[in-house]
Amino acid sequence: MPIHTLILGFVVMTLGAVGLIVFYTELRRRKFQPHPSRDRIFRCKECQSVYTDDPDVDRSRCPQCGKLNEAIEF
């Protein structure tokens, strides 16, 4: 068996093993990583409290002081 065939086989097997490890690691990361929250973020203009509420709410009442606030836009 020629030497260049052995080297090619070794390189292909090594790259295949590295590819499988990367694929497996990516599957595990996606499985255990928390999903981003769709909640909207609010900051109270009176007491400066930061809180979240449902994504379909445009104005939300502050849990600390009760003032209605607009969502923060990033």
Protein backbone atom coordinates (compact mmCIF):
# COMPACT_ATOMS: atom_id res chain seq x y z
CA MET A 1 0.00 0.00 0.00
CA PRO A 2 1.52 3.37 -1.00
CA ILE A 3 2.47 5.81 1.75
CA HIS A 4 0.33 8.66 0.34
CA THR A 5 -2.78 6.42 0.63
CA LEU A 6 -2.00 5.70 4.29
CA ILE A 7 -1.49 9.39 5.05
CA LEU A 8 -4.71 10.31 3.25
CA GLY A 9 -6.63 7.64 5.17
CA PHE A 10 -5.19 8.85 8.48
CA VAL A 11 -6.09 12.50 7.71
CA VAL A 12 -9.62 11.59 6.60
CA MET A 13 -10.23 9.47 9.72
CA THR A 14 -8.88 12.23 11.99
CA LEU A 15 -11.02 14.92 10.34
CA GLY A 16 -14.05 12.62 10.53
CA ALA A 17 -13.49 12.04 14.25
CA VAL A 18 -13.09 15.77 14.89
CA GLY A 19 -16.27 16.45 12.88
CA LEU A 20 -18.24 13.91 14.92
CA ILE A 21 -17.00 15.43 18.19
CA VAL A 22 -18.00 18.93 17.03
CA PHE A 23 -21.43 17.66 15.94
CA TYR A 24 -22.01 15.87 19.27
CA THR A 25 -20.88 18.91 21.27
CA GLU A 26 -23.21 21.21 19.31
CA LEU A 27 -26.17 18.87 19.92
CA ARG A 28 -25.47 18.85 23.66
CA ARG A 29 -25.10 22.65 23.77
CA ARG A 30 -28.45 23.18 22.04
CA LYS A 31 -30.15 20.67 24.30
CA PHE A 32 -29.04 22.19 27.60
CA GLN A 33 -28.79 25.88 26.73
CA PRO A 34 -31.79 27.90 27.98
CA HIS A 35 -33.99 29.52 25.37
CA PRO A 36 -34.12 33.32 25.35
CA SER A 37 -37.17 34.79 27.01
CA ARG A 38 -39.69 36.58 24.82
CA ASP A 39 -40.80 38.81 27.71
CA ARG A 40 -40.52 42.57 27.32
CA ILE A 41 -38.30 44.62 29.64
CA PHE A 42 -39.68 47.65 31.49
CA ARG A 43 -38.03 50.33 33.63
CA CYS A 44 -40.11 52.39 36.01
CA LYS A 45 -39.71 56.15 35.55
CA GLU A 46 -40.57 56.80 39.19
CA CYS A 47 -38.66 54.22 41.26
CA GLN A 48 -36.16 53.05 38.53
CA SER A 49 -37.12 49.40 39.09
CA VAL A 50 -36.44 47.03 36.16
CA TYR A 51 -38.95 44.23 35.54
CA THR A 52 -40.36 42.04 32.77
CA ASP A 53 -43.87 41.32 31.51
CA ASP A 54 -45.56 39.29 28.76
CA PRO A 55 -44.52 39.97 25.14
CA ASP A 56 -48.01 41.17 24.13
CA VAL A 57 -48.16 43.97 26.76
CA ASP A 58 -47.36 47.53 25.58
CA ARG A 59 -47.67 49.21 28.96
CA SER A 60 -47.09 47.48 32.28
CA ARG A 61 -47.70 48.43 35.90
CA CYS A 62 -44.59 48.58 38.09
CA PRO A 63 -44.69 45.91 40.85
CA GLN A 64 -42.89 48.27 43.27
CA CYS A 65 -44.83 51.55 43.01
CA GLY A 66 -47.76 50.82 40.63
CA LYS A 67 -46.90 53.39 37.92
CA LEU A 68 -47.63 52.47 34.28
CA ASN A 69 -44.52 52.32 32.08
CA GLU A 70 -43.61 51.81 28.43
CA ALA A 71 -41.35 48.93 27.35
CA ILE A 72 -37.65 49.57 26.77
CA GLU A 73 -36.67 49.34 23.08
CA PHE A 74 -33.13 48.19 22.30
